[in-house]
Amino acid sequence: MSSTAYVQQLPMCDIHKYEHGNPNIVARYDGRTVTGQWANMCDQCFASHGTGLGTGYGQELVIGDEPETTPEQVHDAISRGAIDEVWDLVGDGDILDFI
């Protein structure tokens, strides 16, 4: 799983909504909190409640479409031995399509 997720619209911060009664704060992260639950979080709440980015932790939310991966990017990651990056680049696709 990548540490970035592409969305069409940013959600509102769950922590501000439920803990502070303010449902109008934009979230930039979807992640696991220090108490184990998952939430959409703004920058401030991610800094105080988030556990990090990556598989099992969370993702930064970015508006737009995911950029297409090129074979060159995959080859570069393979040559550097960056296996996690390779899988992030390939995603649900077939790695053979890139090599």
PDB file of N, CA and C in Angstrom:
ATOM      1  N   MET A   1       0.846  -1.167   0.000  1.00  0.00           N
ATOM      2  CA  MET A   1       0.000   0.000   0.000  1.00  0.00           C
ATOM      3  C   MET A   1       0.896   1.236   0.000  1.00  0.00           C
ATOM      4  N   SER A   2       0.528   2.181  -0.762  1.00  0.00           N
ATOM      5  CA  SER A   2       1.284   3.423  -0.859  1.00  0.00           C
ATOM      6  C   SER A   2       0.985   4.332   0.333  1.00  0.00           C
ATOM      7  N   SER A   3       1.861   5.277   0.559  1.00  0.00           N
ATOM      8  CA  SER A   3       1.618   6.244   1.631  1.00  0.00           C
ATOM      9  C   SER A   3       0.806   7.433   1.119  1.00  0.00           C
ATOM     10  N   THR A   4       0.361   7.359  -0.144  1.00  0.00           N
ATOM     11  CA  THR A   4      -0.458   8.413  -0.740  1.00  0.00           C
ATOM     12  C   THR A   4      -1.708   7.795  -1.347  1.00  0.00           C
ATOM     13  N   ALA A   5      -2.844   8.431  -1.125  1.00  0.00           N
ATOM     14  CA  ALA A   5      -4.100   8.008  -1.747  1.00  0.00           C
ATOM     15  C   ALA A   5      -4.666   9.195  -2.519  1.00  0.00           C
ATOM     16  N   TYR A   6      -5.108   8.949  -3.729  1.00  0.00           N
ATOM     17  CA  TYR A   6      -5.650  10.007  -4.575  1.00  0.00           C
ATOM     18  C   TYR A   6      -7.169   9.986  -4.468  1.00  0.00           C
ATOM     19  N   VAL A   7      -7.752  11.146  -4.195  1.00  0.00           N
ATOM     20  CA  VAL A   7      -9.191  11.270  -3.979  1.00  0.00           C
ATOM     21  C   VAL A   7      -9.735  12.415  -4.824  1.00  0.00           C
ATOM     22  N   GLN A   8     -11.025  12.403  -5.059  1.00  0.00           N
ATOM     23  CA  GLN A   8     -11.653  13.478  -5.819  1.00  0.00           C
ATOM     24  C   GLN A   8     -12.018  14.667  -4.933  1.00  0.00           C
ATOM     25  N   GLN A   9     -12.202  14.385  -3.643  1.00  0.00           N
ATOM     26  CA  GLN A   9     -12.559  15.441  -2.687  1.00  0.00           C
ATOM     27  C   GLN A   9     -12.005  15.058  -1.320  1.00  0.00           C
ATOM     28  N   LEU A  10     -11.472  16.029  -0.615  1.00  0.00           N
ATOM     29  CA  LEU A  10     -10.958  15.755   0.724  1.00  0.00           C
ATOM     30  C   LEU A  10     -12.109  15.655   1.716  1.00  0.00           C
ATOM     31  N   PRO A  11     -12.060  14.661   2.615  1.00  0.00           N
ATOM     32  CA  PRO A  11     -13.105  14.532   3.637  1.00  0.00           C
ATOM     33  C   PRO A  11     -12.857  15.525   4.769  1.00  0.00           C
ATOM     34  N   MET A  12     -13.754  15.553   5.715  1.00  0.00           N
ATOM     35  CA  MET A  12     -13.606  16.390   6.894  1.00  0.00           C
ATOM     36  C   MET A  12     -12.900  15.590   7.992  1.00  0.00           C
ATOM     37  N   CYS A  13     -12.240  16.291   8.913  1.00  0.00           N
ATOM     38  CA  CYS A  13     -11.504  15.673  10.002  1.00  0.00           C
ATOM     39  C   CYS A  13     -12.472  15.037  11.007  1.00  0.00           C
ATOM     40  N   ASP A  14     -12.344  13.722  11.176  1.00  0.00           N
ATOM     41  CA  ASP A  14     -13.208  13.005  12.113  1.00  0.00           C
ATOM     42  C   ASP A  14     -12.947  13.430  13.558  1.00  0.00           C
ATOM     43  N   ILE A  15     -11.715  13.674  13.902  1.00  0.00           N
ATOM     44  CA  ILE A  15     -11.385  14.021  15.279  1.00  0.00           C
ATOM     45  C   ILE A  15     -11.959  15.382  15.650  1.00  0.00           C
ATOM     46  N   HIS A  16     -11.833  16.349  14.755  1.00  0.00           N
ATOM     47  CA  HIS A  16     -12.442  17.653  15.045  1.00  0.00           C
ATOM     48  C   HIS A  16     -13.964  17.528  15.143  1.00  0.00           C
ATOM     49  N   LYS A  17     -14.529  16.689  14.303  1.00  0.00           N
ATOM     50  CA  LYS A  17     -15.990  16.529  14.316  1.00  0.00           C
ATOM     51  C   LYS A  17     -16.466  15.901  15.631  1.00  0.00           C
ATOM     52  N   TYR A  18     -15.840  14.793  16.020  1.00  0.00           N
ATOM     53  CA  TYR A  18     -16.356  14.049  17.166  1.00  0.00           C
ATOM     54  C   TYR A  18     -15.791  14.481  18.516  1.00  0.00           C
ATOM     55  N   GLU A  19     -14.563  14.980  18.550  1.00  0.00           N
ATOM     56  CA  GLU A  19     -13.984  15.378  19.831  1.00  0.00           C
ATOM     57  C   GLU A  19     -14.153  16.859  20.136  1.00  0.00           C
ATOM     58  N   HIS A  20     -14.251  17.681  19.065  1.00  0.00           N
ATOM     59  CA  HIS A  20     -14.301  19.128  19.275  1.00  0.00           C
ATOM     60  C   HIS A  20     -15.601  19.763  18.779  1.00  0.00           C
ATOM     61  N   GLY A  21     -16.475  18.959  18.184  1.00  0.00           N
ATOM     62  CA  GLY A  21     -17.751  19.482  17.708  1.00  0.00           C
ATOM     63  C   GLY A  21     -17.648  20.399  16.498  1.00  0.00           C
ATOM     64  N   ASN A  22     -16.538  20.330  15.778  1.00  0.00           N
ATOM     65  CA  ASN A  22     -16.345  21.178  14.607  1.00  0.00           C
ATOM     66  C   ASN A  22     -16.220  20.299  13.362  1.00  0.00           C
ATOM     67  N   PRO A  23     -17.318  20.152  12.603  1.00  0.00           N
ATOM     68  CA  PRO A  23     -17.298  19.270  11.438  1.00  0.00           C
ATOM     69  C   PRO A  23     -16.739  19.908  10.165  1.00  0.00           C
ATOM     70  N   ASN A  24     -16.171  21.098  10.245  1.00  0.00           N
ATOM     71  CA  ASN A  24     -15.775  21.837   9.038  1.00  0.00           C
ATOM     72  C   ASN A  24     -14.266  21.970   8.835  1.00  0.00           C
ATOM     73  N   ILE A  25     -13.478  21.076   9.409  1.00  0.00           N
ATOM     74  CA  ILE A  25     -12.029  21.102   9.233  1.00  0.00           C
ATOM     75  C   ILE A  25     -11.648  20.032   8.204  1.00  0.00           C
ATOM     76  N   VAL A  26     -10.925  20.428   7.173  1.00  0.00           N
ATOM     77  CA  VAL A  26     -10.556  19.522   6.088  1.00  0.00           C
ATOM     78  C   VAL A  26      -9.461  18.554   6.541  1.00  0.00           C
ATOM     79  N   ALA A  27      -9.648  17.275   6.229  1.00  0.00           N
ATOM     80  CA  ALA A  27      -8.668  16.239   6.551  1.00  0.00           C
ATOM     81  C   ALA A  27      -7.692  16.068   5.384  1.00  0.00           C
ATOM     82  N   ARG A  28      -6.459  15.776   5.711  1.00  0.00           N
ATOM     83  CA  ARG A  28      -5.440  15.516   4.690  1.00  0.00           C
ATOM     84  C   ARG A  28      -4.819  14.134   4.834  1.00  0.00           C
ATOM     85  N   TYR A  29      -5.277  13.388   5.849  1.00  0.00           N
ATOM     86  CA  TYR A  29      -4.738  12.055   6.102  1.00  0.00           C
ATOM     87  C   TYR A  29      -5.866  11.094   6.466  1.00  0.00           C
ATOM     88  N   ASP A  30      -5.687   9.842   6.091  1.00  0.00           N
ATOM     89  CA  ASP A  30      -6.555   8.754   6.522  1.00  0.00           C
ATOM     90  C   ASP A  30      -5.621   7.761   7.185  1.00  0.00           C
ATOM     91  N   GLY A  31      -5.758   7.597   8.498  1.00  0.00           N
ATOM     92  CA  GLY A  31      -4.787   6.731   9.150  1.00  0.00           C
ATOM     93  C   GLY A  31      -5.228   6.204  10.496  1.00  0.00           C
ATOM     94  N   ARG A  32      -4.384   5.317  11.002  1.00  0.00           N
ATOM     95  CA  ARG A  32      -4.608   4.730  12.317  1.00  0.00           C
ATOM     96  C   ARG A  32      -4.203   5.753  13.371  1.00  0.00           C
ATOM     97  N   THR A  33      -4.975   5.824  14.424  1.00  0.00           N
ATOM     98  CA  THR A  33      -4.664   6.743  15.519  1.00  0.00           C
ATOM     99  C   THR A  33      -3.879   6.005  16.605  1.00  0.00           C
ATOM    100  N   VAL A  34      -3.340   6.756  17.532  1.00  0.00           N
ATOM    101  CA  VAL A  34      -2.567   6.164  18.621  1.00  0.00           C
ATOM    102  C   VAL A  34      -3.423   5.251  19.500  1.00  0.00           C
ATOM    103  N   THR A  35      -4.750   5.392  19.433  1.00  0.00           N
ATOM    104  CA  THR A  35      -5.635   4.514  20.207  1.00  0.00           C
ATOM    105  C   THR A  35      -6.126   3.319  19.397  1.00  0.00           C
ATOM    106  N   GLY A  36      -5.676   3.207  18.132  1.00  0.00           N
ATOM    107  CA  GLY A  36      -5.993   2.034  17.322  1.00  0.00           C
ATOM    108  C   GLY A  36      -7.085   2.217  16.285  1.00  0.00           C
ATOM    109  N   GLN A  37      -7.969   3.182  16.479  1.00  0.00           N
ATOM    110  CA  GLN A  37      -9.021   3.423  15.489  1.00  0.00           C
ATOM    111  C   GLN A  37      -8.421   4.122  14.272  1.00  0.00           C
ATOM    112  N   TRP A  38      -9.149   4.059  13.173  1.00  0.00           N
ATOM    113  CA  TRP A  38      -8.751   4.769  11.961  1.00  0.00           C
ATOM    114  C   TRP A  38      -9.633   5.993  11.822  1.00  0.00           C
ATOM    115  N   ALA A  39      -9.064   7.071  11.282  1.00  0.00           N
ATOM    116  CA  ALA A  39      -9.818   8.321  11.144  1.00  0.00           C
ATOM    117  C   ALA A  39      -9.244   9.150  10.004  1.00  0.00           C
ATOM    118  N   ASN A  40     -10.096  10.005   9.466  1.00  0.00           N
ATOM    119  CA  ASN A  40      -9.632  11.067   8.583  1.00  0.00           C
ATOM    120  C   ASN A  40      -9.162  12.178   9.509  1.00  0.00           C
ATOM    121  N   MET A  41      -7.934  12.705   9.256  1.00  0.00           N
ATOM    122  CA  MET A  41      -7.352  13.689  10.167  1.00  0.00           C
ATOM    123  C   MET A  41      -6.770  14.886   9.418  1.00  0.00           C
ATOM    124  N   CYS A  42      -6.911  16.052  10.026  1.00  0.00           N
ATOM    125  CA  CYS A  42      -6.257  17.253   9.515  1.00  0.00           C
ATOM    126  C   CYS A  42      -4.777  17.194   9.915  1.00  0.00           C
ATOM    127  N   ASP A  43      -3.997  18.165   9.474  1.00  0.00           N
ATOM    128  CA  ASP A  43      -2.570  18.188   9.806  1.00  0.00           C
ATOM    129  C   ASP A  43      -2.338  18.169  11.320  1.00  0.00           C
ATOM    130  N   GLN A  44      -3.080  19.010  12.036  1.00  0.00           N
ATOM    131  CA  GLN A  44      -2.912  19.123  13.488  1.00  0.00           C
ATOM    132  C   GLN A  44      -3.239  17.805  14.188  1.00  0.00           C
ATOM    133  N   CYS A  45      -4.360  17.182  13.811  1.00  0.00           N
ATOM    134  CA  CYS A  45      -4.765  15.928  14.460  1.00  0.00           C
ATOM    135  C   CYS A  45      -3.854  14.773  14.069  1.00  0.00           C
ATOM    136  N   PHE A  46      -3.353  14.774  12.829  1.00  0.00           N
ATOM    137  CA  PHE A  46      -2.427  13.728  12.420  1.00  0.00           C
ATOM    138  C   PHE A  46      -1.135  13.825  13.243  1.00  0.00           C
ATOM    139  N   ALA A  47      -0.680  15.050  13.494  1.00  0.00           N
ATOM    140  CA  ALA A  47       0.540  15.236  14.281  1.00  0.00           C
ATOM    141  C   ALA A  47       0.359  14.746  15.721  1.00  0.00           C
ATOM    142  N   SER A  48      -0.823  14.921  16.279  1.00  0.00           N
ATOM    143  CA  SER A  48      -1.029  14.548  17.674  1.00  0.00           C
ATOM    144  C   SER A  48      -1.663  13.168  17.866  1.00  0.00           C
ATOM    145  N   HIS A  49      -2.386  12.663  16.856  1.00  0.00           N
ATOM    146  CA  HIS A  49      -3.097  11.389  16.997  1.00  0.00           C
ATOM    147  C   HIS A  49      -2.632  10.308  16.018  1.00  0.00           C
ATOM    148  N   GLY A  50      -1.967  10.681  14.934  1.00  0.00           N
ATOM    149  CA  GLY A  50      -1.580   9.725  13.900  1.00  0.00           C
ATOM    150  C   GLY A  50      -0.381   8.882  14.292  1.00  0.00           C
ATOM    151  N   THR A  51      -0.202   7.760  13.570  1.00  0.00           N
ATOM    152  CA  THR A  51       0.902   6.847  13.868  1.00  0.00           C
ATOM    153  C   THR A  51       1.920   6.771  12.731  1.00  0.00           C
ATOM    154  N   GLY A  52       1.728   7.541  11.672  1.00  0.00           N
ATOM    155  CA  GLY A  52       2.680   7.522  10.565  1.00  0.00           C
ATOM    156  C   GLY A  52       1.999   7.211   9.249  1.00  0.00           C
ATOM    157  N   LEU A  53       2.820   7.087   8.215  1.00  0.00           N
ATOM    158  CA  LEU A  53       2.324   6.801   6.877  1.00  0.00           C
ATOM    159  C   LEU A  53       2.884   5.479   6.386  1.00  0.00           C
ATOM    160  N   GLY A  54       2.118   4.811   5.532  1.00  0.00           N
ATOM    161  CA  GLY A  54       2.548   3.545   4.948  1.00  0.00           C
ATOM    162  C   GLY A  54       1.596   2.426   5.333  1.00  0.00           C
ATOM    163  N   THR A  55       1.893   1.245   4.858  1.00  0.00           N
ATOM    164  CA  THR A  55       1.051   0.078   5.101  1.00  0.00           C
ATOM    165  C   THR A  55       0.840  -0.138   6.592  1.00  0.00           C
ATOM    166  N   GLY A  56      -0.416  -0.232   6.997  1.00  0.00           N
ATOM    167  CA  GLY A  56      -0.763  -0.444   8.392  1.00  0.00           C
ATOM    168  C   GLY A  56      -0.795   0.824   9.229  1.00  0.00           C
ATOM    169  N   TYR A  57      -0.433   1.953   8.631  1.00  0.00           N
ATOM    170  CA  TYR A  57      -0.387   3.208   9.373  1.00  0.00           C
ATOM    171  C   TYR A  57      -1.336   4.250   8.803  1.00  0.00           C
ATOM    172  N   GLY A  58      -1.158   4.627   7.555  1.00  0.00           N
ATOM    173  CA  GLY A  58      -2.027   5.648   6.997  1.00  0.00           C
ATOM    174  C   GLY A  58      -1.543   6.149   5.657  1.00  0.00           C
ATOM    175  N   GLN A  59      -2.353   7.041   5.096  1.00  0.00           N
ATOM    176  CA  GLN A  59      -2.055   7.608   3.794  1.00  0.00           C
ATOM    177  C   GLN A  59      -2.341   9.101   3.794  1.00  0.00           C
ATOM    178  N   GLU A  60      -1.499   9.834   3.078  1.00  0.00           N
ATOM    179  CA  GLU A  60      -1.777  11.237   2.830  1.00  0.00           C
ATOM    180  C   GLU A  60      -2.788  11.290   1.690  1.00  0.00           C
ATOM    181  N   LEU A  61      -3.799  12.116   1.825  1.00  0.00           N
ATOM    182  CA  LEU A  61      -4.845  12.251   0.811  1.00  0.00           C
ATOM    183  C   LEU A  61      -4.492  13.399  -0.127  1.00  0.00           C
ATOM    184  N   VAL A  62      -4.500  13.121  -1.428  1.00  0.00           N
ATOM    185  CA  VAL A  62      -4.150  14.108  -2.440  1.00  0.00           C
ATOM    186  C   VAL A  62      -5.288  14.176  -3.453  1.00  0.00           C
ATOM    187  N   ILE A  63      -5.741  15.385  -3.754  1.00  0.00           N
ATOM    188  CA  ILE A  63      -6.812  15.543  -4.739  1.00  0.00           C
ATOM    189  C   ILE A  63      -6.248  15.323  -6.136  1.00  0.00           C
ATOM    190  N   GLY A  64      -6.933  14.502  -6.907  1.00  0.00           N
ATOM    191  CA  GLY A  64      -6.539  14.278  -8.291  1.00  0.00           C
ATOM    192  C   GLY A  64      -6.454  12.805  -8.626  1.00  0.00           C
ATOM    193  N   ASP A  65      -6.017  12.548  -9.832  1.00  0.00           N
ATOM    194  CA  ASP A  65      -5.857  11.179 -10.300  1.00  0.00           C
ATOM    195  C   ASP A  65      -4.424  10.720 -10.057  1.00  0.00           C
ATOM    196  N   GLU A  66      -4.282   9.455  -9.748  1.00  0.00           N
ATOM    197  CA  GLU A  66      -2.957   8.899  -9.507  1.00  0.00           C
ATOM    198  C   GLU A  66      -2.132   8.943 -10.790  1.00  0.00           C
ATOM    199  N   PRO A  67      -0.903   9.455 -10.721  1.00  0.00           N
ATOM    200  CA  PRO A  67      -0.069   9.483 -11.923  1.00  0.00           C
ATOM    201  C   PRO A  67       0.263   8.067 -12.378  1.00  0.00           C
ATOM    202  N   GLU A  68       0.403   7.915 -13.679  1.00  0.00           N
ATOM    203  CA  GLU A  68       0.732   6.596 -14.218  1.00  0.00           C
ATOM    204  C   GLU A  68       2.189   6.260 -13.930  1.00  0.00           C
ATOM    205  N   THR A  69       2.416   5.015 -13.601  1.00  0.00           N
ATOM    206  CA  THR A  69       3.767   4.531 -13.349  1.00  0.00           C
ATOM    207  C   THR A  69       4.419   4.153 -14.668  1.00  0.00           C
ATOM    208  N   THR A  70       5.672   4.544 -14.835  1.00  0.00           N
ATOM    209  CA  THR A  70       6.409   4.193 -16.050  1.00  0.00           C
ATOM    210  C   THR A  70       7.332   3.013 -15.766  1.00  0.00           C
ATOM    211  N   PRO A  71       7.658   2.243 -16.793  1.00  0.00           N
ATOM    212  CA  PRO A  71       8.619   1.152 -16.598  1.00  0.00           C
ATOM    213  C   PRO A  71       9.955   1.658 -16.052  1.00  0.00           C
ATOM    214  N   GLU A  72      10.350   2.869 -16.440  1.00  0.00           N
ATOM    215  CA  GLU A  72      11.617   3.424 -15.961  1.00  0.00           C
ATOM    216  C   GLU A  72      11.613   3.597 -14.448  1.00  0.00           C
ATOM    217  N   GLN A  73      10.484   4.023 -13.897  1.00  0.00           N
ATOM    218  CA  GLN A  73      10.392   4.186 -12.446  1.00  0.00           C
ATOM    219  C   GLN A  73      10.550   2.848 -11.736  1.00  0.00           C
ATOM    220  N   VAL A  74       9.909   1.811 -12.284  1.00  0.00           N
ATOM    221  CA  VAL A  74       9.995   0.481 -11.685  1.00  0.00           C
ATOM    222  C   VAL A  74      11.416  -0.060 -11.797  1.00  0.00           C
ATOM    223  N   HIS A  75      12.034   0.079 -12.966  1.00  0.00           N
ATOM    224  CA  HIS A  75      13.412  -0.388 -13.155  1.00  0.00           C
ATOM    225  C   HIS A  75      14.354   0.315 -12.188  1.00  0.00           C
ATOM    226  N   ASP A  76      14.180   1.628 -12.010  1.00  0.00           N
ATOM    227  CA  ASP A  76      15.026   2.392 -11.095  1.00  0.00           C
ATOM    228  C   ASP A  76      14.885   1.881  -9.664  1.00  0.00           C
ATOM    229  N   ALA A  77      13.652   1.649  -9.231  1.00  0.00           N
ATOM    230  CA  ALA A  77      13.426   1.148  -7.874  1.00  0.00           C
ATOM    231  C   ALA A  77      14.023  -0.244  -7.698  1.00  0.00           C
ATOM    232  N   ILE A  78      13.898  -1.087  -8.718  1.00  0.00           N
ATOM    233  CA  ILE A  78      14.484  -2.434  -8.658  1.00  0.00           C
ATOM    234  C   ILE A  78      15.998  -2.334  -8.556  1.00  0.00           C
ATOM    235  N   SER A  79      16.599  -1.476  -9.369  1.00  0.00           N
ATOM    236  CA  SER A  79      18.062  -1.362  -9.371  1.00  0.00           C
ATOM    237  C   SER A  79      18.602  -0.840  -8.039  1.00  0.00           C
ATOM    238  N   ARG A  80      17.803  -0.073  -7.309  1.00  0.00           N
ATOM    239  CA  ARG A  80      18.208   0.430  -5.994  1.00  0.00           C
ATOM    240  C   ARG A  80      17.862  -0.536  -4.875  1.00  0.00           C
ATOM    241  N   GLY A  81      17.179  -1.630  -5.213  1.00  0.00           N
ATOM    242  CA  GLY A  81      16.787  -2.600  -4.194  1.00  0.00           C
ATOM    243  C   GLY A  81      15.653  -2.120  -3.318  1.00  0.00           C
ATOM    244  N   ALA A  82      14.891  -1.152  -3.802  1.00  0.00           N
ATOM    245  CA  ALA A  82      13.788  -0.563  -3.032  1.00  0.00           C
ATOM    246  C   ALA A  82      12.501  -1.355  -3.284  1.00  0.00           C
ATOM    247  N   ILE A  83      12.433  -2.524  -2.696  1.00  0.00           N
ATOM    248  CA  ILE A  83      11.327  -3.453  -2.968  1.00  0.00           C
ATOM    249  C   ILE A  83       9.971  -2.866  -2.588  1.00  0.00           C
ATOM    250  N   ASP A  84       9.872  -2.206  -1.422  1.00  0.00           N
ATOM    251  CA  ASP A  84       8.594  -1.597  -1.031  1.00  0.00           C
ATOM    252  C   ASP A  84       8.156  -0.554  -2.052  1.00  0.00           C
ATOM    253  N   GLU A  85       9.109   0.217  -2.552  1.00  0.00           N
ATOM    254  CA  GLU A  85       8.785   1.225  -3.567  1.00  0.00           C
ATOM    255  C   GLU A  85       8.303   0.568  -4.855  1.00  0.00           C
ATOM    256  N   VAL A  86       8.921  -0.564  -5.220  1.00  0.00           N
ATOM    257  CA  VAL A  86       8.488  -1.299  -6.418  1.00  0.00           C
ATOM    258  C   VAL A  86       7.023  -1.663  -6.292  1.00  0.00           C
ATOM    259  N   TRP A  87       6.642  -2.216  -5.149  1.00  0.00           N
ATOM    260  CA  TRP A  87       5.247  -2.639  -4.975  1.00  0.00           C
ATOM    261  C   TRP A  87       4.302  -1.447  -4.911  1.00  0.00           C
ATOM    262  N   ASP A  88       4.768  -0.334  -4.348  1.00  0.00           N
ATOM    263  CA  ASP A  88       3.954   0.879  -4.361  1.00  0.00           C
ATOM    264  C   ASP A  88       3.725   1.346  -5.789  1.00  0.00           C
ATOM    265  N   LEU A  89       4.761   1.276  -6.610  1.00  0.00           N
ATOM    266  CA  LEU A  89       4.643   1.717  -8.004  1.00  0.00           C
ATOM    267  C   LEU A  89       3.741   0.795  -8.814  1.00  0.00           C
ATOM    268  N   VAL A  90       3.875  -0.516  -8.616  1.00  0.00           N
ATOM    269  CA  VAL A  90       3.103  -1.492  -9.395  1.00  0.00           C
ATOM    270  C   VAL A  90       1.659  -1.545  -8.917  1.00  0.00           C
ATOM    271  N   GLY A  91       1.442  -1.377  -7.614  1.00  0.00           N
ATOM    272  CA  GLY A  91       0.083  -1.407  -7.067  1.00  0.00           C
ATOM    273  C   GLY A  91      -0.597  -2.729  -7.346  1.00  0.00           C
ATOM    274  N   ASP A  92      -1.816  -2.648  -7.868  1.00  0.00           N
ATOM    275  CA  ASP A  92      -2.588  -3.853  -8.175  1.00  0.00           C
ATOM    276  C   ASP A  92      -2.252  -4.413  -9.548  1.00  0.00           C
ATOM    277  N   GLY A  93      -1.347  -3.755 -10.259  1.00  0.00           N
ATOM    278  CA  GLY A  93      -0.987  -4.204 -11.594  1.00  0.00           C
ATOM    279  C   GLY A  93      -0.055  -5.408 -11.566  1.00  0.00           C
ATOM    280  N   ASP A  94       0.278  -5.887 -12.743  1.00  0.00           N
ATOM    281  CA  ASP A  94       1.167  -7.016 -12.912  1.00  0.00           C
ATOM    282  C   ASP A  94       2.582  -6.470 -13.131  1.00  0.00           C
ATOM    283  N   ILE A  95       3.507  -6.872 -12.281  1.00  0.00           N
ATOM    284  CA  ILE A  95       4.876  -6.367 -12.396  1.00  0.00           C
ATOM    285  C   ILE A  95       5.480  -6.678 -13.754  1.00  0.00           C
ATOM    286  N   LEU A  96       5.036  -7.762 -14.392  1.00  0.00           N
ATOM    287  CA  LEU A  96       5.570  -8.123 -15.703  1.00  0.00           C
ATOM    288  C   LEU A  96       5.218  -7.073 -16.770  1.00  0.00           C
ATOM    289  N   ASP A  97       4.190  -6.284 -16.525  1.00  0.00           N
ATOM    290  CA  ASP A  97       3.842  -5.216 -17.469  1.00  0.00           C
ATOM    291  C   ASP A  97       4.870  -4.087 -17.442  1.00  0.00           C
ATOM    292  N   PHE A  98       5.732  -4.070 -16.438  1.00  0.00           N
ATOM    293  CA  PHE A  98       6.696  -2.983 -16.279  1.00  0.00           C
ATOM    294  C   PHE A  98       8.136  -3.395 -16.569  1.00  0.00           C
ATOM    295  N   ILE A  99       8.376  -4.706 -16.724  1.00  0.00           N
ATOM    296  CA  ILE A  99       9.755  -5.144 -16.982  1.00  0.00           C
ATOM    297  C   ILE A  99       9.877  -5.928 -18.268  1.00  0.00           C
TER     298      ILE A  99
END
